[in-house]
Amino acid sequence: MQKGQHTKEIIVDAALGLAAQIGLEGLSIGTLAEVTQMSKSGVFAHFGSREELQISVIREYYKRFSDEVFFPAMDEARGLPRVRALFANWMKRVAVELQSGCIFISGAVEFDDRPGPVREALASSVRTWLAALYRAVVQAKEEGQLADTADEEQMAFEIHGLILALHYEARFLNNPDSIKHANTGFENILARYGKSNAAESFTSPISNPVSKE
């Protein structure tokens, strides 16, 4: 790896840590220069603008999210085993994000009404991930594990909603029962959309991975 690329990765890693704490909007060339003990011109040379720095952070966050949540789930069989793995991995990710924050969620709050490249980079990352979840649900229906009348888009929407509610309840409201409610909600979704109790034929790998201790 070339020295310049290595230095850029160090800066992005530091920026990712800062963004989790203070948000993407809080990032600045000056702050990163101080954290990485580099000159402002040195940091600027790797990105060219604050906007490009923010986009680089979003791309790195999405890469790590995919490595932890999406790709391991692809080792599972098509259908409900893969849907379950995606949710279980997502819950494990939440365990980390309750401490550090989720850039997808905080970024949505910061940039929901601010069109531009940063907002589009955020939205594109989330759309790509949700499309992967939707495909897994569609495959579960194709495998005959969901009712013929199951609405795949609605099911994926509800699973996504559980994670958003979990972040709010656990991180903001400190609700100690939020994990239990999320797990129960997921099982209820599978049961509601399942075909002949197909959802009950799989054992959930989710126990209680999220803790704020």
N, C-alpha and C. Protein backbone atom coordinates (compact mmCIF):
# COMPACT_ATOMS: atom_id res chain seq x y z
N MET A 1 0.84 -1.19 0.00
CA MET A 1 0.00 0.00 0.00
C MET A 1 0.88 1.25 0.00
N GLN A 2 0.55 2.19 -0.85
CA GLN A 2 1.32 3.42 -0.93
C GLN A 2 1.10 4.26 0.33
N LYS A 3 2.11 5.04 0.65
CA LYS A 3 2.06 5.84 1.88
C LYS A 3 0.87 6.79 1.87
N GLY A 4 0.59 7.41 0.71
CA GLY A 4 -0.50 8.37 0.62
C GLY A 4 -1.84 7.72 0.91
N GLN A 5 -2.05 6.51 0.37
CA GLN A 5 -3.30 5.80 0.60
C GLN A 5 -3.44 5.39 2.07
N HIS A 6 -2.33 4.97 2.65
CA HIS A 6 -2.34 4.58 4.07
C HIS A 6 -2.69 5.77 4.94
N THR A 7 -2.12 6.92 4.63
CA THR A 7 -2.40 8.13 5.40
C THR A 7 -3.87 8.51 5.28
N LYS A 8 -4.41 8.39 4.08
CA LYS A 8 -5.82 8.73 3.86
C LYS A 8 -6.71 7.81 4.68
N GLU A 9 -6.36 6.53 4.75
CA GLU A 9 -7.16 5.59 5.52
C GLU A 9 -7.12 5.92 7.02
N ILE A 10 -5.98 6.38 7.49
CA ILE A 10 -5.86 6.80 8.89
C ILE A 10 -6.78 7.99 9.17
N ILE A 11 -6.80 8.93 8.24
CA ILE A 11 -7.64 10.12 8.39
C ILE A 11 -9.12 9.73 8.38
N VAL A 12 -9.51 8.86 7.44
CA VAL A 12 -10.91 8.43 7.33
C VAL A 12 -11.34 7.69 8.60
N ASP A 13 -10.45 6.86 9.12
CA ASP A 13 -10.76 6.12 10.34
C ASP A 13 -10.99 7.08 11.51
N ALA A 14 -10.15 8.08 11.62
CA ALA A 14 -10.32 9.09 12.67
C ALA A 14 -11.60 9.88 12.46
N ALA A 15 -11.88 10.21 11.20
CA ALA A 15 -13.10 10.96 10.88
C ALA A 15 -14.35 10.15 11.19
N LEU A 16 -14.28 8.84 10.95
CA LEU A 16 -15.41 7.97 11.23
C LEU A 16 -15.71 7.96 12.73
N GLY A 17 -14.67 7.88 13.54
CA GLY A 17 -14.86 7.91 14.98
C GLY A 17 -15.46 9.23 15.45
N LEU A 18 -15.00 10.32 14.87
CA LEU A 18 -15.53 11.64 15.24
C LEU A 18 -16.98 11.79 14.79
N ALA A 19 -17.27 11.34 13.57
CA ALA A 19 -18.63 11.48 13.03
C ALA A 19 -19.64 10.73 13.86
N ALA A 20 -19.23 9.58 14.41
CA ALA A 20 -20.14 8.80 15.25
C ALA A 20 -20.50 9.57 16.52
N GLN A 21 -19.58 10.43 16.97
CA GLN A 21 -19.81 11.17 18.21
C GLN A 21 -20.47 12.53 17.98
N ILE A 22 -20.02 13.24 16.94
CA ILE A 22 -20.49 14.61 16.74
C ILE A 22 -21.26 14.81 15.44
N GLY A 23 -21.41 13.73 14.66
CA GLY A 23 -22.15 13.83 13.41
C GLY A 23 -21.27 14.22 12.23
N LEU A 24 -21.77 13.95 11.05
CA LEU A 24 -21.03 14.30 9.84
C LEU A 24 -20.84 15.81 9.72
N GLU A 25 -21.85 16.55 10.14
CA GLU A 25 -21.78 18.00 10.01
C GLU A 25 -20.71 18.60 10.93
N GLY A 26 -20.36 17.87 11.97
CA GLY A 26 -19.34 18.37 12.89
C GLY A 26 -17.92 18.18 12.41
N LEU A 27 -17.76 17.40 11.34
CA LEU A 27 -16.41 17.16 10.82
C LEU A 27 -15.83 18.41 10.18
N SER A 28 -14.56 18.61 10.38
CA SER A 28 -13.87 19.72 9.73
C SER A 28 -12.41 19.33 9.50
N ILE A 29 -11.81 19.94 8.51
CA ILE A 29 -10.41 19.68 8.21
C ILE A 29 -9.54 20.02 9.42
N GLY A 30 -9.89 21.12 10.08
CA GLY A 30 -9.10 21.56 11.22
C GLY A 30 -9.16 20.58 12.39
N THR A 31 -10.36 20.09 12.68
CA THR A 31 -10.51 19.13 13.78
C THR A 31 -9.75 17.85 13.50
N LEU A 32 -9.84 17.37 12.28
CA LEU A 32 -9.13 16.15 11.92
C LEU A 32 -7.61 16.34 11.95
N ALA A 33 -7.17 17.50 11.54
CA ALA A 33 -5.74 17.78 11.58
C ALA A 33 -5.23 17.70 13.03
N GLU A 34 -6.05 18.21 13.94
CA GLU A 34 -5.67 18.19 15.35
C GLU A 34 -5.66 16.75 15.89
N VAL A 35 -6.69 15.98 15.54
CA VAL A 35 -6.81 14.61 16.04
C VAL A 35 -5.70 13.71 15.49
N THR A 36 -5.40 13.87 14.21
CA THR A 36 -4.38 13.03 13.57
C THR A 36 -2.98 13.61 13.68
N GLN A 37 -2.87 14.81 14.29
CA GLN A 37 -1.58 15.49 14.44
C GLN A 37 -0.92 15.73 13.09
N MET A 38 -1.73 16.15 12.14
CA MET A 38 -1.25 16.52 10.82
C MET A 38 -1.54 18.00 10.58
N SER A 39 -0.96 18.52 9.55
CA SER A 39 -1.25 19.91 9.18
C SER A 39 -2.60 19.97 8.45
N LYS A 40 -3.24 21.12 8.49
CA LYS A 40 -4.51 21.28 7.77
C LYS A 40 -4.31 21.06 6.28
N SER A 41 -3.23 21.56 5.76
CA SER A 41 -2.96 21.39 4.33
C SER A 41 -2.73 19.93 3.98
N GLY A 42 -2.13 19.18 4.92
CA GLY A 42 -1.89 17.76 4.69
C GLY A 42 -3.19 16.98 4.62
N VAL A 43 -4.13 17.30 5.53
CA VAL A 43 -5.44 16.64 5.51
C VAL A 43 -6.22 17.04 4.27
N PHE A 44 -6.19 18.32 3.97
CA PHE A 44 -6.94 18.85 2.83
C PHE A 44 -6.47 18.22 1.52
N ALA A 45 -5.18 17.95 1.42
CA ALA A 45 -4.62 17.40 0.18
C ALA A 45 -5.20 16.04 -0.17
N HIS A 46 -5.67 15.30 0.83
CA HIS A 46 -6.21 13.96 0.59
C HIS A 46 -7.68 13.97 0.18
N PHE A 47 -8.37 15.11 0.39
CA PHE A 47 -9.80 15.15 0.10
C PHE A 47 -10.20 16.31 -0.80
N GLY A 48 -9.57 17.44 -0.63
CA GLY A 48 -9.88 18.59 -1.48
C GLY A 48 -11.02 19.44 -0.97
N SER A 49 -11.88 18.86 -0.16
CA SER A 49 -13.01 19.62 0.39
C SER A 49 -13.60 18.89 1.58
N ARG A 50 -14.30 19.62 2.41
CA ARG A 50 -14.98 19.02 3.56
C ARG A 50 -16.07 18.06 3.09
N GLU A 51 -16.71 18.41 2.00
CA GLU A 51 -17.78 17.56 1.45
C GLU A 51 -17.24 16.20 1.03
N GLU A 52 -16.10 16.19 0.37
CA GLU A 52 -15.51 14.93 -0.07
C GLU A 52 -15.06 14.10 1.13
N LEU A 53 -14.62 14.77 2.18
CA LEU A 53 -14.28 14.08 3.41
C LEU A 53 -15.51 13.37 3.99
N GLN A 54 -16.62 14.07 4.04
CA GLN A 54 -17.86 13.50 4.57
C GLN A 54 -18.30 12.29 3.74
N ILE A 55 -18.20 12.39 2.42
CA ILE A 55 -18.59 11.29 1.54
C ILE A 55 -17.67 10.09 1.74
N SER A 56 -16.39 10.35 1.93
CA SER A 56 -15.43 9.26 2.18
C SER A 56 -15.77 8.52 3.46
N VAL A 57 -16.20 9.26 4.47
CA VAL A 57 -16.59 8.66 5.74
C VAL A 57 -17.83 7.78 5.55
N ILE A 58 -18.80 8.26 4.79
CA ILE A 58 -20.01 7.49 4.52
C ILE A 58 -19.67 6.19 3.79
N ARG A 59 -18.79 6.27 2.82
CA ARG A 59 -18.40 5.07 2.06
C ARG A 59 -17.71 4.05 2.96
N GLU A 60 -16.86 4.52 3.84
CA GLU A 60 -16.15 3.62 4.74
C GLU A 60 -17.12 3.00 5.75
N TYR A 61 -18.05 3.81 6.23
CA TYR A 61 -19.05 3.28 7.17
C TYR A 61 -19.87 2.19 6.50
N TYR A 62 -20.28 2.42 5.27
CA TYR A 62 -21.08 1.43 4.56
C TYR A 62 -20.28 0.15 4.31
N LYS A 63 -19.01 0.30 3.99
CA LYS A 63 -18.17 -0.87 3.78
C LYS A 63 -18.11 -1.74 5.04
N ARG A 64 -17.89 -1.10 6.18
CA ARG A 64 -17.81 -1.83 7.44
C ARG A 64 -19.15 -2.45 7.80
N PHE A 65 -20.22 -1.72 7.54
CA PHE A 65 -21.56 -2.24 7.80
C PHE A 65 -21.81 -3.49 6.95
N SER A 66 -21.45 -3.44 5.68
CA SER A 66 -21.63 -4.58 4.78
C SER A 66 -20.79 -5.77 5.22
N ASP A 67 -19.55 -5.51 5.63
CA ASP A 67 -18.66 -6.59 6.06
C ASP A 67 -19.19 -7.30 7.30
N GLU A 68 -19.87 -6.57 8.17
CA GLU A 68 -20.35 -7.15 9.42
C GLU A 68 -21.76 -7.71 9.33
N VAL A 69 -22.59 -7.11 8.49
CA VAL A 69 -24.00 -7.48 8.45
C VAL A 69 -24.37 -8.30 7.22
N PHE A 70 -24.02 -7.79 6.05
CA PHE A 70 -24.49 -8.40 4.81
C PHE A 70 -23.71 -9.65 4.39
N PHE A 71 -22.41 -9.52 4.23
CA PHE A 71 -21.63 -10.62 3.66
C PHE A 71 -21.66 -11.90 4.50
N PRO A 72 -21.58 -11.84 5.83
CA PRO A 72 -21.68 -13.09 6.61
C PRO A 72 -23.02 -13.79 6.40
N ALA A 73 -24.08 -13.01 6.21
CA ALA A 73 -25.41 -13.60 6.03
C ALA A 73 -25.53 -14.35 4.72
N MET A 74 -24.71 -13.99 3.74
CA MET A 74 -24.77 -14.65 2.44
C MET A 74 -24.30 -16.10 2.51
N ASP A 75 -23.67 -16.49 3.61
CA ASP A 75 -23.27 -17.89 3.80
C ASP A 75 -24.45 -18.77 4.19
N GLU A 76 -25.55 -18.14 4.59
CA GLU A 76 -26.74 -18.89 4.98
C GLU A 76 -27.57 -19.23 3.75
N ALA A 77 -28.42 -20.23 3.89
CA ALA A 77 -29.28 -20.66 2.79
C ALA A 77 -30.26 -19.56 2.42
N ARG A 78 -30.65 -19.53 1.15
CA ARG A 78 -31.68 -18.59 0.70
C ARG A 78 -32.95 -18.77 1.51
N GLY A 79 -33.63 -17.66 1.72
CA GLY A 79 -34.90 -17.74 2.42
C GLY A 79 -34.80 -17.24 3.85
N LEU A 80 -35.63 -17.81 4.71
CA LEU A 80 -35.69 -17.33 6.10
C LEU A 80 -34.37 -17.46 6.85
N PRO A 81 -33.54 -18.52 6.61
CA PRO A 81 -32.25 -18.54 7.31
C PRO A 81 -31.42 -17.30 7.01
N ARG A 82 -31.46 -16.82 5.77
CA ARG A 82 -30.69 -15.63 5.41
C ARG A 82 -31.33 -14.37 6.00
N VAL A 83 -32.65 -14.29 5.99
CA VAL A 83 -33.34 -13.15 6.59
C VAL A 83 -33.01 -13.07 8.07
N ARG A 84 -33.04 -14.22 8.74
CA ARG A 84 -32.71 -14.27 10.16
C ARG A 84 -31.27 -13.83 10.41
N ALA A 85 -30.36 -14.28 9.56
CA ALA A 85 -28.95 -13.93 9.73
C ALA A 85 -28.74 -12.43 9.55
N LEU A 86 -29.41 -11.85 8.57
CA LEU A 86 -29.29 -10.41 8.35
C LEU A 86 -29.77 -9.64 9.58
N PHE A 87 -30.90 -10.07 10.14
CA PHE A 87 -31.42 -9.39 11.32
C PHE A 87 -30.50 -9.59 12.52
N ALA A 88 -30.02 -10.82 12.71
CA ALA A 88 -29.13 -11.11 13.84
C ALA A 88 -27.84 -10.29 13.75
N ASN A 89 -27.26 -10.24 12.55
CA ASN A 89 -26.03 -9.46 12.36
C ASN A 89 -26.29 -7.98 12.57
N TRP A 90 -27.44 -7.53 12.14
CA TRP A 90 -27.83 -6.13 12.30
C TRP A 90 -27.95 -5.80 13.78
N MET A 91 -28.53 -6.71 14.54
CA MET A 91 -28.66 -6.51 15.98
C MET A 91 -27.29 -6.43 16.66
N LYS A 92 -26.36 -7.27 16.21
CA LYS A 92 -25.01 -7.22 16.77
C LYS A 92 -24.36 -5.87 16.46
N ARG A 93 -24.62 -5.36 15.28
CA ARG A 93 -24.10 -4.04 14.90
C ARG A 93 -24.69 -2.95 15.79
N VAL A 94 -25.96 -3.10 16.10
CA VAL A 94 -26.62 -2.13 16.99
C VAL A 94 -25.93 -2.10 18.35
N ALA A 95 -25.44 -3.27 18.81
CA ALA A 95 -24.76 -3.33 20.10
C ALA A 95 -23.59 -2.36 20.15
N VAL A 96 -22.90 -2.22 19.03
CA VAL A 96 -21.79 -1.27 18.94
C VAL A 96 -22.31 0.15 18.81
N GLU A 97 -23.34 0.31 18.00
CA GLU A 97 -23.83 1.65 17.69
C GLU A 97 -24.54 2.32 18.86
N LEU A 98 -25.00 1.53 19.83
CA LEU A 98 -25.60 2.15 21.00
C LEU A 98 -24.57 2.93 21.80
N GLN A 99 -23.31 2.56 21.64
CA GLN A 99 -22.22 3.28 22.29
C GLN A 99 -21.68 4.40 21.41
N SER A 100 -21.52 4.11 20.11
CA SER A 100 -20.84 5.06 19.22
C SER A 100 -21.77 5.86 18.34
N GLY A 101 -23.00 5.39 18.15
CA GLY A 101 -23.92 6.09 17.27
C GLY A 101 -23.92 5.51 15.87
N CYS A 102 -25.02 5.68 15.17
CA CYS A 102 -25.17 5.17 13.80
C CYS A 102 -25.18 6.34 12.83
N ILE A 103 -24.24 6.34 11.91
CA ILE A 103 -24.12 7.45 10.96
C ILE A 103 -25.31 7.49 10.01
N PHE A 104 -25.87 6.33 9.67
CA PHE A 104 -27.05 6.31 8.82
C PHE A 104 -28.21 7.08 9.47
N ILE A 105 -28.38 6.88 10.78
CA ILE A 105 -29.49 7.51 11.48
C ILE A 105 -29.19 8.98 11.78
N SER A 106 -28.03 9.26 12.34
CA SER A 106 -27.69 10.66 12.65
C SER A 106 -27.57 11.48 11.36
N GLY A 107 -27.02 10.84 10.31
CA GLY A 107 -26.89 11.55 9.03
C GLY A 107 -28.23 11.88 8.42
N ALA A 108 -29.21 10.99 8.60
CA ALA A 108 -30.55 11.25 8.07
C ALA A 108 -31.16 12.47 8.74
N VAL A 109 -30.90 12.62 10.03
CA VAL A 109 -31.42 13.78 10.76
C VAL A 109 -30.72 15.06 10.28
N GLU A 110 -29.43 14.97 10.05
CA GLU A 110 -28.66 16.15 9.64
C GLU A 110 -28.95 16.59 8.22
N PHE A 111 -29.17 15.61 7.33
CA PHE A 111 -29.24 15.93 5.89
C PHE A 111 -30.58 15.61 5.24
N ASP A 112 -31.61 15.32 6.03
CA ASP A 112 -32.88 14.95 5.43
C ASP A 112 -33.48 16.04 4.55
N ASP A 113 -33.23 17.30 4.88
CA ASP A 113 -33.79 18.40 4.10
C ASP A 113 -32.69 19.23 3.42
N ARG A 114 -31.54 18.59 3.20
CA ARG A 114 -30.42 19.32 2.61
C ARG A 114 -29.92 18.56 1.38
N PRO A 115 -30.49 18.81 0.22
CA PRO A 115 -30.07 18.10 -0.99
C PRO A 115 -28.61 18.39 -1.33
N GLY A 116 -27.97 17.41 -1.95
CA GLY A 116 -26.57 17.56 -2.32
C GLY A 116 -25.86 16.23 -2.30
N PRO A 117 -24.59 16.21 -2.64
CA PRO A 117 -23.82 14.96 -2.74
C PRO A 117 -23.73 14.17 -1.44
N VAL A 118 -23.64 14.85 -0.30
CA VAL A 118 -23.52 14.14 0.98
C VAL A 118 -24.83 13.42 1.29
N ARG A 119 -25.93 14.11 1.13
CA ARG A 119 -27.23 13.48 1.36
C ARG A 119 -27.43 12.30 0.41
N GLU A 120 -27.06 12.47 -0.84
CA GLU A 120 -27.24 11.40 -1.82
C GLU A 120 -26.36 10.19 -1.51
N ALA A 121 -25.15 10.44 -1.01
CA ALA A 121 -24.27 9.34 -0.63
C ALA A 121 -24.87 8.56 0.52
N LEU A 122 -25.44 9.27 1.49
CA LEU A 122 -26.11 8.61 2.61
C LEU A 122 -27.32 7.81 2.13
N ALA A 123 -28.18 8.47 1.37
CA ALA A 123 -29.41 7.82 0.91
C ALA A 123 -29.11 6.62 0.03
N SER A 124 -28.11 6.75 -0.82
CA SER A 124 -27.73 5.65 -1.72
C SER A 124 -27.27 4.43 -0.93
N SER A 125 -26.49 4.66 0.12
CA SER A 125 -26.00 3.56 0.96
C SER A 125 -27.16 2.84 1.64
N VAL A 126 -28.09 3.61 2.18
CA VAL A 126 -29.24 3.01 2.87
C VAL A 126 -30.13 2.27 1.88
N ARG A 127 -30.35 2.87 0.71
CA ARG A 127 -31.17 2.20 -0.31
C ARG A 127 -30.56 0.87 -0.73
N THR A 128 -29.25 0.84 -0.90
CA THR A 128 -28.57 -0.39 -1.31
C THR A 128 -28.75 -1.47 -0.27
N TRP A 129 -28.58 -1.09 1.00
CA TRP A 129 -28.73 -2.07 2.07
C TRP A 129 -30.17 -2.57 2.16
N LEU A 130 -31.14 -1.68 2.09
CA LEU A 130 -32.54 -2.08 2.19
C LEU A 130 -32.96 -2.94 0.99
N ALA A 131 -32.36 -2.68 -0.16
CA ALA A 131 -32.63 -3.50 -1.34
C ALA A 131 -32.14 -4.93 -1.12
N ALA A 132 -31.01 -5.07 -0.43
CA ALA A 132 -30.48 -6.40 -0.12
C ALA A 132 -31.41 -7.14 0.85
N LEU A 133 -31.91 -6.43 1.84
CA LEU A 133 -32.87 -7.03 2.78
C LEU A 133 -34.13 -7.45 2.04
N TYR A 134 -34.61 -6.59 1.16
CA TYR A 134 -35.82 -6.89 0.39
C TYR A 134 -35.61 -8.13 -0.48
N ARG A 135 -34.44 -8.25 -1.11
CA ARG A 135 -34.16 -9.42 -1.95
C ARG A 135 -34.21 -10.70 -1.12
N ALA A 136 -33.68 -10.64 0.10
CA ALA A 136 -33.69 -11.82 0.97
C ALA A 136 -35.13 -12.22 1.32
N VAL A 137 -35.98 -11.24 1.53
CA VAL A 137 -37.39 -11.52 1.83
C VAL A 137 -38.08 -12.12 0.61
N VAL A 138 -37.80 -11.56 -0.56
CA VAL A 138 -38.38 -12.08 -1.80
C VAL A 138 -37.97 -13.54 -2.01
N GLN A 139 -36.70 -13.83 -1.73
CA GLN A 139 -36.21 -15.20 -1.89
C GLN A 139 -36.90 -16.15 -0.92
N ALA A 140 -37.21 -15.66 0.29
CA ALA A 140 -37.92 -16.49 1.26
C ALA A 140 -39.30 -16.85 0.71
N LYS A 141 -39.94 -15.92 0.04
CA LYS A 141 -41.25 -16.21 -0.56
C LYS A 141 -41.09 -17.18 -1.72
N GLU A 142 -40.04 -17.00 -2.51
CA GLU A 142 -39.79 -17.91 -3.63
C GLU A 142 -39.51 -19.34 -3.15
N GLU A 143 -38.93 -19.46 -1.95
CA GLU A 143 -38.64 -20.77 -1.40
C GLU A 143 -39.86 -21.40 -0.74
N GLY A 144 -40.98 -20.70 -0.77
CA GLY A 144 -42.20 -21.24 -0.19
C GLY A 144 -42.29 -21.12 1.32
N GLN A 145 -41.47 -20.24 1.91
CA GLN A 145 -41.43 -20.09 3.37
C GLN A 145 -42.31 -18.94 3.86
N LEU A 146 -42.91 -18.21 2.93
CA LEU A 146 -43.84 -17.15 3.27
C LEU A 146 -45.16 -17.41 2.58
N ALA A 147 -46.21 -16.84 3.11
CA ALA A 147 -47.53 -17.00 2.51
C ALA A 147 -47.54 -16.42 1.10
N ASP A 148 -48.35 -17.00 0.24
CA ASP A 148 -48.44 -16.52 -1.13
C ASP A 148 -48.91 -15.07 -1.20
N THR A 149 -49.65 -14.66 -0.19
CA THR A 149 -50.17 -13.30 -0.15
C THR A 149 -49.24 -12.32 0.57
N ALA A 150 -48.10 -12.81 1.03
CA ALA A 150 -47.17 -11.96 1.79
C ALA A 150 -46.69 -10.78 0.95
N ASP A 151 -46.70 -9.61 1.53
CA ASP A 151 -46.22 -8.39 0.88
C ASP A 151 -44.75 -8.22 1.25
N GLU A 152 -43.85 -8.56 0.33
CA GLU A 152 -42.42 -8.54 0.63
C GLU A 152 -41.93 -7.14 0.99
N GLU A 153 -42.42 -6.15 0.28
CA GLU A 153 -41.98 -4.78 0.55
C GLU A 153 -42.41 -4.33 1.95
N GLN A 154 -43.63 -4.67 2.32
CA GLN A 154 -44.13 -4.31 3.65
C GLN A 154 -43.34 -5.02 4.74
N MET A 155 -43.03 -6.29 4.52
CA MET A 155 -42.28 -7.07 5.50
C MET A 155 -40.89 -6.48 5.72
N ALA A 156 -40.20 -6.13 4.64
CA ALA A 156 -38.88 -5.52 4.76
C ALA A 156 -38.97 -4.16 5.47
N PHE A 157 -40.02 -3.42 5.17
CA PHE A 157 -40.25 -2.12 5.82
C PHE A 157 -40.40 -2.28 7.32
N GLU A 158 -41.15 -3.29 7.73
CA GLU A 158 -41.38 -3.50 9.16
C GLU A 158 -40.12 -3.94 9.89
N ILE A 159 -39.30 -4.76 9.23
CA ILE A 159 -38.03 -5.17 9.85
C ILE A 159 -37.12 -3.97 10.04
N HIS A 160 -37.06 -3.12 9.02
CA HIS A 160 -36.26 -1.90 9.12
C HIS A 160 -36.79 -1.02 10.25
N GLY A 161 -38.11 -0.96 10.37
CA GLY A 161 -38.72 -0.15 11.42
C GLY A 161 -38.34 -0.61 12.81
N LEU A 162 -38.18 -1.93 12.99
CA LEU A 162 -37.77 -2.46 14.30
C LEU A 162 -36.40 -1.91 14.70
N ILE A 163 -35.46 -1.88 13.76
CA ILE A 163 -34.12 -1.40 14.07
C ILE A 163 -34.14 0.08 14.41
N LEU A 164 -34.91 0.85 13.67
CA LEU A 164 -35.01 2.29 13.96
C LEU A 164 -35.62 2.51 15.34
N ALA A 165 -36.66 1.76 15.66
CA ALA A 165 -37.29 1.89 16.98
C ALA A 165 -36.33 1.47 18.08
N LEU A 166 -35.55 0.42 17.83
CA LEU A 166 -34.59 -0.05 18.82
C LEU A 166 -33.55 1.02 19.14
N HIS A 167 -33.02 1.68 18.12
CA HIS A 167 -32.06 2.76 18.34
C HIS A 167 -32.67 3.85 19.22
N TYR A 168 -33.88 4.24 18.90
CA TYR A 168 -34.53 5.33 19.63
C TYR A 168 -34.82 4.92 21.07
N GLU A 169 -35.40 3.73 21.23
CA GLU A 169 -35.79 3.28 22.56
C GLU A 169 -34.56 3.00 23.45
N ALA A 170 -33.56 2.33 22.89
CA ALA A 170 -32.40 1.93 23.70
C ALA A 170 -31.43 3.09 23.92
N ARG A 171 -31.14 3.84 22.87
CA ARG A 171 -30.12 4.89 22.97
C ARG A 171 -30.65 6.18 23.56
N PHE A 172 -31.86 6.56 23.18
CA PHE A 172 -32.41 7.84 23.62
C PHE A 172 -33.25 7.71 24.90
N LEU A 173 -34.12 6.70 24.94
CA LEU A 173 -35.02 6.54 26.08
C LEU A 173 -34.48 5.58 27.14
N ASN A 174 -33.38 4.89 26.84
CA ASN A 174 -32.78 3.93 27.79
C ASN A 174 -33.79 2.89 28.28
N ASN A 175 -34.61 2.42 27.37
CA ASN A 175 -35.62 1.42 27.71
C ASN A 175 -34.95 0.06 27.85
N PRO A 176 -34.93 -0.54 29.04
CA PRO A 176 -34.23 -1.81 29.24
C PRO A 176 -34.90 -2.99 28.53
N ASP A 177 -36.15 -2.81 28.11
CA ASP A 177 -36.87 -3.90 27.44
C ASP A 177 -36.83 -3.77 25.92
N SER A 178 -36.06 -2.83 25.41
CA SER A 178 -36.08 -2.57 23.96
C SER A 178 -35.58 -3.76 23.15
N ILE A 179 -34.58 -4.48 23.67
CA ILE A 179 -34.06 -5.64 22.95
C ILE A 179 -35.11 -6.73 22.86
N LYS A 180 -35.77 -6.98 23.98
CA LYS A 180 -36.82 -7.99 24.01
C LYS A 180 -37.93 -7.64 23.04
N HIS A 181 -38.31 -6.37 23.00
CA HIS A 181 -39.38 -5.94 22.11
C HIS A 181 -38.97 -6.09 20.65
N ALA A 182 -37.71 -5.79 20.33
CA ALA A 182 -37.24 -5.92 18.95
C ALA A 182 -37.24 -7.37 18.51
N ASN A 183 -36.74 -8.25 19.37
CA ASN A 183 -36.72 -9.68 19.04
C ASN A 183 -38.14 -10.24 18.90
N THR A 184 -39.01 -9.85 19.82
CA THR A 184 -40.40 -10.30 19.74
C THR A 184 -41.07 -9.77 18.48
N GLY A 185 -40.79 -8.53 18.17
CA GLY A 185 -41.35 -7.93 16.96
C GLY A 185 -40.93 -8.67 15.71
N PHE A 186 -39.66 -9.07 15.66
CA PHE A 186 -39.15 -9.80 14.50
C PHE A 186 -39.84 -11.15 14.37
N GLU A 187 -39.98 -11.86 15.48
CA GLU A 187 -40.67 -13.16 15.44
C GLU A 187 -42.13 -12.99 15.03
N ASN A 188 -42.75 -11.92 15.49
CA ASN A 188 -44.14 -11.67 15.12
C ASN A 188 -44.27 -11.40 13.62
N ILE A 189 -43.30 -10.70 13.07
CA ILE A 189 -43.32 -10.44 11.62
C ILE A 189 -43.22 -11.75 10.85
N LEU A 190 -42.28 -12.62 11.24
CA LEU A 190 -42.12 -13.89 10.55
C LEU A 190 -43.38 -14.75 10.67
N ALA A 191 -43.97 -14.75 11.85
CA ALA A 191 -45.17 -15.55 12.06
C ALA A 191 -46.34 -15.01 11.22
N ARG A 192 -46.44 -13.69 11.15
CA ARG A 192 -47.56 -13.08 10.44
C ARG A 192 -47.49 -13.33 8.93
N TYR A 193 -46.27 -13.30 8.39
CA TYR A 193 -46.10 -13.48 6.96
C TYR A 193 -45.77 -14.93 6.58
N GLY A 194 -45.58 -15.78 7.58
CA GLY A 194 -45.15 -17.14 7.33
C GLY A 194 -46.23 -18.00 6.67
N LYS A 195 -45.79 -19.08 6.05
CA LYS A 195 -46.69 -20.03 5.38
C LYS A 195 -46.73 -21.32 6.17
N SER A 196 -47.89 -21.66 6.70
CA SER A 196 -48.07 -22.89 7.47
C SER A 196 -47.03 -23.00 8.59
N ASN A 197 -46.86 -21.86 9.32
CA ASN A 197 -45.92 -21.82 10.44
C ASN A 197 -44.49 -22.12 10.01
N ALA A 198 -44.15 -21.79 8.74
CA ALA A 198 -42.79 -22.04 8.26
C ALA A 198 -41.77 -21.31 9.10
N ALA A 199 -42.15 -20.14 9.62
CA ALA A 199 -41.19 -19.36 10.40
C ALA A 199 -40.77 -20.10 11.66
N GLU A 200 -41.66 -20.99 12.18
CA GLU A 200 -41.34 -21.66 13.43
C GLU A 200 -40.36 -22.81 13.25
N SER A 201 -40.08 -23.16 11.99
CA SER A 201 -39.18 -24.28 11.73
C SER A 201 -37.72 -23.89 11.78
N PHE A 202 -37.45 -22.61 12.05
CA PHE A 202 -36.08 -22.13 12.15
C PHE A 202 -35.84 -21.60 13.55
N THR A 203 -34.69 -21.89 14.10
CA THR A 203 -34.34 -21.42 15.43
C THR A 203 -33.62 -20.09 15.32
N SER A 204 -34.11 -19.08 16.00
CA SER A 204 -33.51 -17.76 15.92
C SER A 204 -32.14 -17.75 16.57
N PRO A 205 -31.11 -17.15 15.88
CA PRO A 205 -29.78 -17.06 16.46
C PRO A 205 -29.63 -15.87 17.38
N ILE A 206 -30.70 -15.10 17.56
CA ILE A 206 -30.62 -13.87 18.33
C ILE A 206 -30.95 -14.16 19.79
N SER A 207 -30.06 -13.81 20.68
CA SER A 207 -30.36 -13.96 22.10
C SER A 207 -30.58 -12.58 22.68
N ASN A 208 -29.53 -11.94 23.10
CA ASN A 208 -29.63 -10.58 23.62
C ASN A 208 -28.28 -9.91 23.42
N PRO A 209 -27.93 -9.63 22.13
CA PRO A 209 -26.58 -9.16 21.84
C PRO A 209 -26.31 -7.73 22.21
N VAL A 210 -27.35 -6.97 22.57
CA VAL A 210 -27.17 -5.54 22.78
C VAL A 210 -27.13 -5.25 24.26
N SER A 211 -26.09 -4.60 24.68
CA SER A 211 -25.97 -4.19 26.08
C SER A 211 -25.27 -2.86 26.15
N LYS A 212 -25.73 -2.03 27.03
CA LYS A 212 -25.09 -0.71 27.17
C LYS A 212 -24.06 -0.71 28.29
N GLU A 213 -23.83 -1.88 28.88
CA GLU A 213 -22.85 -1.95 29.97
C GLU A 213 -21.46 -2.09 29.41
